[in-house]
Amino acid sequence: VRYDGADADCVHYPSRGSCVKIVATVSRTTAEGMCQ
């Protein structure tokens, strides 16, 4: 699960390159899908 709120590229174009911070690693779980 990747996110870097300080990087506008991560917010506007999610990718492995722009969202380099891995904030969690999940397996077979339920979460809230806020938007896509």
PDB file of all heavy atoms in Angstrom:
ATOM      1  N   VAL A   1       0.889  -1.161   0.000  1.00  0.00           N
ATOM      2  CA  VAL A   1       0.000   0.000   0.000  1.00  0.00           C
ATOM      3  C   VAL A   1       0.925   1.208   0.000  1.00  0.00           C
ATOM      4  O   VAL A   1       1.764   1.360   0.886  1.00  0.00           O
ATOM      5  CB  VAL A   1      -0.920   0.005   1.241  1.00  0.00           C
ATOM      6  CG1 VAL A   1      -1.838   1.212   1.226  1.00  0.00           C
ATOM      7  CG2 VAL A   1      -1.724  -1.292   1.309  1.00  0.00           C
ATOM      8  N   ARG A   2       0.788   2.049  -1.029  1.00  0.00           N
ATOM      9  CA  ARG A   2       1.737   3.150  -1.236  1.00  0.00           C
ATOM     10  C   ARG A   2       1.059   4.500  -1.074  1.00  0.00           C
ATOM     11  O   ARG A   2      -0.059   4.689  -1.534  1.00  0.00           O
ATOM     12  CB  ARG A   2       2.306   3.075  -2.655  1.00  0.00           C
ATOM     13  CG  ARG A   2       3.023   1.795  -2.948  1.00  0.00           C
ATOM     14  CD  ARG A   2       3.388   1.693  -4.426  1.00  0.00           C
ATOM     15  NE  ARG A   2       4.234   0.538  -4.653  1.00  0.00           N
ATOM     16  CZ  ARG A   2       5.549   0.536  -4.519  1.00  0.00           C
ATOM     17  NH1 ARG A   2       6.186   1.637  -4.211  1.00  0.00           N
ATOM     18  NH2 ARG A   2       6.236  -0.571  -4.725  1.00  0.00           N
ATOM     19  N   TYR A   3       1.783   5.434  -0.454  1.00  0.00           N
ATOM     20  CA  TYR A   3       1.256   6.801  -0.365  1.00  0.00           C
ATOM     21  C   TYR A   3       2.351   7.761   0.060  1.00  0.00           C
ATOM     22  O   TYR A   3       3.176   7.443   0.908  1.00  0.00           O
ATOM     23  CB  TYR A   3       0.102   6.888   0.636  1.00  0.00           C
ATOM     24  CG  TYR A   3      -0.662   8.177   0.497  1.00  0.00           C
ATOM     25  CD1 TYR A   3      -1.516   8.380  -0.575  1.00  0.00           C
ATOM     26  CD2 TYR A   3      -0.520   9.195   1.423  1.00  0.00           C
ATOM     27  CE1 TYR A   3      -2.209   9.559  -0.724  1.00  0.00           C
ATOM     28  CE2 TYR A   3      -1.217  10.378   1.290  1.00  0.00           C
ATOM     29  CZ  TYR A   3      -2.060  10.560   0.219  1.00  0.00           C
ATOM     30  OH  TYR A   3      -2.745  11.736   0.064  1.00  0.00           O
ATOM     31  N   ASP A   4       2.328   8.924  -0.538  1.00  0.00           N
ATOM     32  CA  ASP A   4       3.210  10.023  -0.152  1.00  0.00           C
ATOM     33  C   ASP A   4       2.444  11.316  -0.402  1.00  0.00           C
ATOM     34  O   ASP A   4       2.447  11.840  -1.506  1.00  0.00           O
ATOM     35  CB  ASP A   4       4.513   9.996  -0.961  1.00  0.00           C
ATOM     36  CG  ASP A   4       5.518  11.028  -0.474  1.00  0.00           C
ATOM     37  OD1 ASP A   4       5.166  11.838   0.418  1.00  0.00           O
ATOM     38  OD2 ASP A   4       6.647  11.030  -0.976  1.00  0.00           O
ATOM     39  N   GLY A   5       1.727  11.787   0.598  1.00  0.00           N
ATOM     40  CA  GLY A   5       0.905  12.988   0.475  1.00  0.00           C
ATOM     41  C   GLY A   5       1.707  14.233   0.158  1.00  0.00           C
ATOM     42  O   GLY A   5       1.168  15.211  -0.357  1.00  0.00           O
ATOM     43  N   ALA A   6       3.007  14.223   0.443  1.00  0.00           N
ATOM     44  CA  ALA A   6       3.854  15.381   0.153  1.00  0.00           C
ATOM     45  C   ALA A   6       4.247  15.434  -1.319  1.00  0.00           C
ATOM     46  O   ALA A   6       4.718  16.453  -1.797  1.00  0.00           O
ATOM     47  CB  ALA A   6       5.101  15.354   1.024  1.00  0.00           C
ATOM     48  N   ASP A   7       4.045  14.348  -2.041  1.00  0.00           N
ATOM     49  CA  ASP A   7       4.414  14.281  -3.454  1.00  0.00           C
ATOM     50  C   ASP A   7       3.146  14.386  -4.294  1.00  0.00           C
ATOM     51  O   ASP A   7       2.340  13.461  -4.335  1.00  0.00           O
ATOM     52  CB  ASP A   7       5.139  12.965  -3.740  1.00  0.00           C
ATOM     53  CG  ASP A   7       5.699  12.897  -5.155  1.00  0.00           C
ATOM     54  OD1 ASP A   7       5.256  13.668  -6.029  1.00  0.00           O
ATOM     55  OD2 ASP A   7       6.584  12.053  -5.390  1.00  0.00           O
ATOM     56  N   ALA A   8       2.962  15.511  -4.962  1.00  0.00           N
ATOM     57  CA  ALA A   8       1.761  15.733  -5.769  1.00  0.00           C
ATOM     58  C   ALA A   8       1.620  14.681  -6.863  1.00  0.00           C
ATOM     59  O   ALA A   8       0.508  14.315  -7.238  1.00  0.00           O
ATOM     60  CB  ALA A   8       1.779  17.131  -6.375  1.00  0.00           C
ATOM     61  N   ASP A   9       2.736  14.167  -7.370  1.00  0.00           N
ATOM     62  CA  ASP A   9       2.664  13.128  -8.397  1.00  0.00           C
ATOM     63  C   ASP A   9       2.002  11.872  -7.842  1.00  0.00           C
ATOM     64  O   ASP A   9       1.231  11.208  -8.528  1.00  0.00           O
ATOM     65  CB  ASP A   9       4.051  12.789  -8.937  1.00  0.00           C
ATOM     66  CG  ASP A   9       4.627  13.891  -9.797  1.00  0.00           C
ATOM     67  OD1 ASP A   9       3.841  14.698 -10.328  1.00  0.00           O
ATOM     68  OD2 ASP A   9       5.856  13.949  -9.943  1.00  0.00           O
ATOM     69  N   CYS A  10       2.267  11.539  -6.599  1.00  0.00           N
ATOM     70  CA  CYS A  10       1.657  10.362  -5.981  1.00  0.00           C
ATOM     71  C   CYS A  10       0.157  10.563  -5.833  1.00  0.00           C
ATOM     72  O   CYS A  10      -0.616   9.644  -6.070  1.00  0.00           O
ATOM     73  CB  CYS A  10       2.286  10.089  -4.620  1.00  0.00           C
ATOM     74  SG  CYS A  10       1.572   8.667  -3.754  1.00  0.00           S
ATOM     75  N   VAL A  11      -0.247  11.745  -5.472  1.00  0.00           N
ATOM     76  CA  VAL A  11      -1.670  12.031  -5.284  1.00  0.00           C
ATOM     77  C   VAL A  11      -2.411  12.019  -6.623  1.00  0.00           C
ATOM     78  O   VAL A  11      -3.503  11.476  -6.732  1.00  0.00           O
ATOM     79  CB  VAL A  11      -1.865  13.385  -4.568  1.00  0.00           C
ATOM     80  CG1 VAL A  11      -3.332  13.761  -4.491  1.00  0.00           C
ATOM     81  CG2 VAL A  11      -1.238  13.335  -3.177  1.00  0.00           C
ATOM     82  N   HIS A  12      -1.794  12.589  -7.662  1.00  0.00           N
ATOM     83  CA  HIS A  12      -2.481  12.753  -8.948  1.00  0.00           C
ATOM     84  C   HIS A  12      -2.163  11.669  -9.969  1.00  0.00           C
ATOM     85  O   HIS A  12      -2.874  11.536 -10.964  1.00  0.00           O
ATOM     86  CB  HIS A  12      -2.144  14.123  -9.544  1.00  0.00           C
ATOM     87  CG  HIS A  12      -2.665  15.245  -8.701  1.00  0.00           C
ATOM     88  ND1 HIS A  12      -3.991  15.579  -8.669  1.00  0.00           N
ATOM     89  CD2 HIS A  12      -2.049  16.079  -7.840  1.00  0.00           C
ATOM     90  CE1 HIS A  12      -4.171  16.582  -7.831  1.00  0.00           C
ATOM     91  NE2 HIS A  12      -3.000  16.898  -7.308  1.00  0.00           N
ATOM     92  N   TYR A  13      -1.104  10.900  -9.765  1.00  0.00           N
ATOM     93  CA  TYR A  13      -0.747   9.826 -10.695  1.00  0.00           C
ATOM     94  C   TYR A  13      -0.085   8.706  -9.897  1.00  0.00           C
ATOM     95  O   TYR A  13       1.141   8.625  -9.807  1.00  0.00           O
ATOM     96  CB  TYR A  13       0.205  10.337 -11.786  1.00  0.00           C
ATOM     97  CG  TYR A  13       0.495   9.302 -12.842  1.00  0.00           C
ATOM     98  CD1 TYR A  13      -0.419   9.044 -13.863  1.00  0.00           C
ATOM     99  CD2 TYR A  13       1.668   8.564 -12.817  1.00  0.00           C
ATOM    100  CE1 TYR A  13      -0.166   8.089 -14.827  1.00  0.00           C
ATOM    101  CE2 TYR A  13       1.941   7.601 -13.779  1.00  0.00           C
ATOM    102  CZ  TYR A  13       1.021   7.368 -14.778  1.00  0.00           C
ATOM    103  OH  TYR A  13       1.262   6.410 -15.731  1.00  0.00           O
ATOM    104  N   PRO A  14      -0.916   7.850  -9.278  1.00  0.00           N
ATOM    105  CA  PRO A  14      -0.334   6.794  -8.456  1.00  0.00           C
ATOM    106  C   PRO A  14       0.547   5.856  -9.276  1.00  0.00           C
ATOM    107  O   PRO A  14       0.169   5.433 -10.359  1.00  0.00           O
ATOM    108  CB  PRO A  14      -1.549   6.062  -7.885  1.00  0.00           C
ATOM    109  CG  PRO A  14      -2.727   6.540  -8.648  1.00  0.00           C
ATOM    110  CD  PRO A  14      -2.368   7.802  -9.332  1.00  0.00           C
ATOM    111  N   SER A  15       1.728   5.582  -8.745  1.00  0.00           N
ATOM    112  CA  SER A  15       2.673   4.687  -9.414  1.00  0.00           C
ATOM    113  C   SER A  15       3.726   4.244  -8.405  1.00  0.00           C
ATOM    114  O   SER A  15       3.853   4.829  -7.328  1.00  0.00           O
ATOM    115  CB  SER A  15       3.347   5.396 -10.588  1.00  0.00           C
ATOM    116  OG  SER A  15       4.241   6.380 -10.123  1.00  0.00           O
ATOM    117  N   ARG A  16       4.490   3.248  -8.802  1.00  0.00           N
ATOM    118  CA  ARG A  16       5.584   2.796  -7.927  1.00  0.00           C
ATOM    119  C   ARG A  16       6.673   3.859  -7.841  1.00  0.00           C
ATOM    120  O   ARG A  16       7.344   3.985  -6.830  1.00  0.00           O
ATOM    121  CB  ARG A  16       6.159   1.486  -8.451  1.00  0.00           C
ATOM    122  CG  ARG A  16       5.160   0.336  -8.340  1.00  0.00           C
ATOM    123  CD  ARG A  16       5.662  -0.912  -8.999  1.00  0.00           C
ATOM    124  NE  ARG A  16       5.706  -0.675 -10.452  1.00  0.00           N
ATOM    125  CZ  ARG A  16       5.995  -1.587 -11.355  1.00  0.00           C
ATOM    126  NH1 ARG A  16       6.290  -2.806 -10.979  1.00  0.00           N
ATOM    127  NH2 ARG A  16       5.998  -1.294 -12.631  1.00  0.00           N
ATOM    128  N   GLY A  17       6.842   4.642  -8.909  1.00  0.00           N
ATOM    129  CA  GLY A  17       7.880   5.666  -8.927  1.00  0.00           C
ATOM    130  C   GLY A  17       7.524   6.919  -8.154  1.00  0.00           C
ATOM    131  O   GLY A  17       8.386   7.540  -7.533  1.00  0.00           O
ATOM    132  N   SER A  18       6.249   7.326  -8.188  1.00  0.00           N
ATOM    133  CA  SER A  18       5.872   8.558  -7.494  1.00  0.00           C
ATOM    134  C   SER A  18       5.414   8.297  -6.063  1.00  0.00           C
ATOM    135  O   SER A  18       5.441   9.198  -5.237  1.00  0.00           O
ATOM    136  CB  SER A  18       4.778   9.302  -8.269  1.00  0.00           C
ATOM    137  OG  SER A  18       3.600   8.530  -8.337  1.00  0.00           O
ATOM    138  N   CYS A  19       4.979   7.104  -5.775  1.00  0.00           N
ATOM    139  CA  CYS A  19       4.538   6.739  -4.425  1.00  0.00           C
ATOM    140  C   CYS A  19       5.536   5.741  -3.843  1.00  0.00           C
ATOM    141  O   CYS A  19       5.231   4.555  -3.661  1.00  0.00           O
ATOM    142  CB  CYS A  19       3.141   6.128  -4.469  1.00  0.00           C
ATOM    143  SG  CYS A  19       1.874   7.181  -5.174  1.00  0.00           S
ATOM    144  N   VAL A  20       6.724   6.219  -3.571  1.00  0.00           N
ATOM    145  CA  VAL A  20       7.795   5.321  -3.134  1.00  0.00           C
ATOM    146  C   VAL A  20       7.625   4.850  -1.686  1.00  0.00           C
ATOM    147  O   VAL A  20       8.172   3.819  -1.315  1.00  0.00           O
ATOM    148  CB  VAL A  20       9.191   5.948  -3.335  1.00  0.00           C
ATOM    149  CG1 VAL A  20       9.484   6.142  -4.810  1.00  0.00           C
ATOM    150  CG2 VAL A  20       9.311   7.253  -2.589  1.00  0.00           C
ATOM    151  N   LYS A  21       6.866   5.595  -0.893  1.00  0.00           N
ATOM    152  CA  LYS A  21       6.668   5.189   0.502  1.00  0.00           C
ATOM    153  C   LYS A  21       5.658   4.051   0.569  1.00  0.00           C
ATOM    154  O   LYS A  21       4.526   4.180   0.118  1.00  0.00           O
ATOM    155  CB  LYS A  21       6.119   6.359   1.332  1.00  0.00           C
ATOM    156  CG  LYS A  21       7.124   7.414   1.644  1.00  0.00           C
ATOM    157  CD  LYS A  21       6.509   8.455   2.556  1.00  0.00           C
ATOM    158  CE  LYS A  21       7.463   9.595   2.804  1.00  0.00           C
ATOM    159  NZ  LYS A  21       6.836  10.646   3.625  1.00  0.00           N
ATOM    160  N   ILE A  22       6.078   2.948   1.124  1.00  0.00           N
ATOM    161  CA  ILE A  22       5.173   1.829   1.369  1.00  0.00           C
ATOM    162  C   ILE A  22       4.686   1.994   2.806  1.00  0.00           C
ATOM    163  O   ILE A  22       5.458   1.868   3.753  1.00  0.00           O
ATOM    164  CB  ILE A  22       5.874   0.479   1.145  1.00  0.00           C
ATOM    165  CG1 ILE A  22       6.306   0.371  -0.316  1.00  0.00           C
ATOM    166  CG2 ILE A  22       4.953  -0.671   1.544  1.00  0.00           C
ATOM    167  CD1 ILE A  22       7.175  -0.816  -0.626  1.00  0.00           C
ATOM    168  N   VAL A  23       3.399   2.338   2.941  1.00  0.00           N
ATOM    169  CA  VAL A  23       2.855   2.649   4.263  1.00  0.00           C
ATOM    170  C   VAL A  23       2.285   1.413   4.957  1.00  0.00           C
ATOM    171  O   VAL A  23       2.038   1.444   6.160  1.00  0.00           O
ATOM    172  CB  VAL A  23       1.798   3.773   4.184  1.00  0.00           C
ATOM    173  CG1 VAL A  23       2.442   5.083   3.743  1.00  0.00           C
ATOM    174  CG2 VAL A  23       0.654   3.406   3.253  1.00  0.00           C
ATOM    175  N   ALA A  24       2.070   0.336   4.184  1.00  0.00           N
ATOM    176  CA  ALA A  24       1.582  -0.922   4.758  1.00  0.00           C
ATOM    177  C   ALA A  24       1.760  -2.033   3.735  1.00  0.00           C
ATOM    178  O   ALA A  24       1.907  -1.771   2.540  1.00  0.00           O
ATOM    179  CB  ALA A  24       0.114  -0.809   5.150  1.00  0.00           C
ATOM    180  N   THR A  25       1.757  -3.256   4.220  1.00  0.00           N
ATOM    181  CA  THR A  25       1.722  -4.443   3.363  1.00  0.00           C
ATOM    182  C   THR A  25       0.566  -5.288   3.875  1.00  0.00           C
ATOM    183  O   THR A  25       0.505  -5.591   5.074  1.00  0.00           O
ATOM    184  CB  THR A  25       3.046  -5.223   3.434  1.00  0.00           C
ATOM    185  OG1 THR A  25       4.111  -4.350   3.020  1.00  0.00           O
ATOM    186  CG2 THR A  25       3.025  -6.420   2.514  1.00  0.00           C
ATOM    187  N   VAL A  26      -0.369  -5.612   2.973  1.00  0.00           N
ATOM    188  CA  VAL A  26      -1.582  -6.319   3.388  1.00  0.00           C
ATOM    189  C   VAL A  26      -1.735  -7.624   2.626  1.00  0.00           C
ATOM    190  O   VAL A  26      -1.209  -7.789   1.525  1.00  0.00           O
ATOM    191  CB  VAL A  26      -2.837  -5.430   3.197  1.00  0.00           C
ATOM    192  CG1 VAL A  26      -2.779  -4.203   4.083  1.00  0.00           C
ATOM    193  CG2 VAL A  26      -3.012  -5.032   1.744  1.00  0.00           C
ATOM    194  N   SER A  27      -2.472  -8.537   3.214  1.00  0.00           N
ATOM    195  CA  SER A  27      -2.766  -9.837   2.603  1.00  0.00           C
ATOM    196  C   SER A  27      -4.209 -10.212   2.889  1.00  0.00           C
ATOM    197  O   SER A  27      -4.638 -10.178   4.049  1.00  0.00           O
ATOM    198  CB  SER A  27      -1.862 -10.922   3.187  1.00  0.00           C
ATOM    199  OG  SER A  27      -0.507 -10.653   2.908  1.00  0.00           O
ATOM    200  N   ARG A  28      -4.926 -10.530   1.834  1.00  0.00           N
ATOM    201  CA  ARG A  28      -6.299 -11.037   1.953  1.00  0.00           C
ATOM    202  C   ARG A  28      -7.077 -10.328   3.053  1.00  0.00           C
ATOM    203  O   ARG A  28      -7.429 -10.932   4.070  1.00  0.00           O
ATOM    204  CB  ARG A  28      -6.277 -12.535   2.178  1.00  0.00           C
ATOM    205  CG  ARG A  28      -5.647 -13.272   1.029  1.00  0.00           C
ATOM    206  CD  ARG A  28      -5.709 -14.773   1.241  1.00  0.00           C
ATOM    207  NE  ARG A  28      -4.998 -15.436   0.172  1.00  0.00           N
ATOM    208  CZ  ARG A  28      -3.823 -16.019   0.295  1.00  0.00           C
ATOM    209  NH1 ARG A  28      -3.210 -16.038   1.450  1.00  0.00           N
ATOM    210  NH2 ARG A  28      -3.245 -16.571  -0.746  1.00  0.00           N
ATOM    211  N   THR A  29      -7.385  -9.069   2.811  1.00  0.00           N
ATOM    212  CA  THR A  29      -8.073  -8.267   3.816  1.00  0.00           C
ATOM    213  C   THR A  29      -9.101  -7.361   3.169  1.00  0.00           C
ATOM    214  O   THR A  29      -9.083  -7.146   1.958  1.00  0.00           O
ATOM    215  CB  THR A  29      -7.057  -7.441   4.640  1.00  0.00           C
ATOM    216  OG1 THR A  29      -7.725  -6.848   5.740  1.00  0.00           O
ATOM    217  CG2 THR A  29      -6.413  -6.354   3.807  1.00  0.00           C
ATOM    218  N   THR A  30      -9.963  -6.821   3.976  1.00  0.00           N
ATOM    219  CA  THR A  30     -10.987  -5.888   3.529  1.00  0.00           C
ATOM    220  C   THR A  30     -10.576  -4.477   3.954  1.00  0.00           C
ATOM    221  O   THR A  30     -10.020  -4.291   5.032  1.00  0.00           O
ATOM    222  CB  THR A  30     -12.353  -6.249   4.153  1.00  0.00           C
ATOM    223  OG1 THR A  30     -12.674  -7.587   3.775  1.00  0.00           O
ATOM    224  CG2 THR A  30     -13.442  -5.327   3.670  1.00  0.00           C
ATOM    225  N   ALA A  31     -10.864  -3.510   3.085  1.00  0.00           N
ATOM    226  CA  ALA A  31     -10.563  -2.105   3.375  1.00  0.00           C
ATOM    227  C   ALA A  31     -11.659  -1.248   2.744  1.00  0.00           C
ATOM    228  O   ALA A  31     -12.503  -1.753   1.995  1.00  0.00           O
ATOM    229  CB  ALA A  31      -9.195  -1.727   2.814  1.00  0.00           C
ATOM    230  N   GLU A  32     -11.638   0.044   3.045  1.00  0.00           N
ATOM    231  CA  GLU A  32     -12.583   0.970   2.430  1.00  0.00           C
ATOM    232  C   GLU A  32     -11.962   1.531   1.151  1.00  0.00           C
ATOM    233  O   GLU A  32     -10.875   2.105   1.194  1.00  0.00           O
ATOM    234  CB  GLU A  32     -12.886   2.136   3.374  1.00  0.00           C
ATOM    235  CG  GLU A  32     -13.703   1.763   4.573  1.00  0.00           C
ATOM    236  CD  GLU A  32     -13.954   2.974   5.451  1.00  0.00           C
ATOM    237  OE1 GLU A  32     -14.373   4.029   4.928  1.00  0.00           O
ATOM    238  OE2 GLU A  32     -13.711   2.862   6.663  1.00  0.00           O
ATOM    239  N   GLY A  33     -12.642   1.354   0.027  1.00  0.00           N
ATOM    240  CA  GLY A  33     -12.208   1.961  -1.223  1.00  0.00           C
ATOM    241  C   GLY A  33     -12.768   3.368  -1.296  1.00  0.00           C
ATOM    242  O   GLY A  33     -13.968   3.553  -1.499  1.00  0.00           O
ATOM    243  N   MET A  34     -11.925   4.373  -1.088  1.00  0.00           N
ATOM    244  CA  MET A  34     -12.391   5.755  -1.036  1.00  0.00           C
ATOM    245  C   MET A  34     -12.657   6.312  -2.432  1.00  0.00           C
ATOM    246  O   MET A  34     -13.665   6.969  -2.658  1.00  0.00           O
ATOM    247  CB  MET A  34     -11.384   6.606  -0.275  1.00  0.00           C
ATOM    248  CG  MET A  34     -11.228   6.131   1.160  1.00  0.00           C
ATOM    249  SD  MET A  34      -9.854   6.880   2.029  1.00  0.00           S
ATOM    250  CE  MET A  34     -10.372   8.559   2.114  1.00  0.00           C
ATOM    251  N   CYS A  35     -11.735   6.064  -3.369  1.00  0.00           N
ATOM    252  CA  CYS A  35     -11.913   6.482  -4.759  1.00  0.00           C
ATOM    253  C   CYS A  35     -10.866   5.778  -5.603  1.00  0.00           C
ATOM    254  O   CYS A  35      -9.946   5.163  -5.069  1.00  0.00           O
ATOM    255  CB  CYS A  35     -11.818   7.998  -4.914  1.00  0.00           C
ATOM    256  SG  CYS A  35     -10.201   8.724  -4.577  1.00  0.00           S
ATOM    257  N   GLN A  36     -11.022   5.854  -6.932  1.00  0.00           N
ATOM    258  CA  GLN A  36     -10.035   5.228  -7.818  1.00  0.00           C
ATOM    259  C   GLN A  36      -9.628   6.218  -8.896  1.00  0.00           C
ATOM    260  O   GLN A  36     -10.389   7.104  -9.267  1.00  0.00           O
ATOM    261  CB  GLN A  36     -10.559   3.918  -8.395  1.00  0.00           C
ATOM    262  CG  GLN A  36     -11.898   3.972  -9.064  1.00  0.00           C
ATOM    263  CD  GLN A  36     -12.449   2.591  -9.374  1.00  0.00           C
ATOM    264  OE1 GLN A  36     -11.719   1.619  -9.510  1.00  0.00           O
ATOM    265  NE2 GLN A  36     -13.757   2.489  -9.487  1.00  0.00           N
TER     266      GLN A  36
END
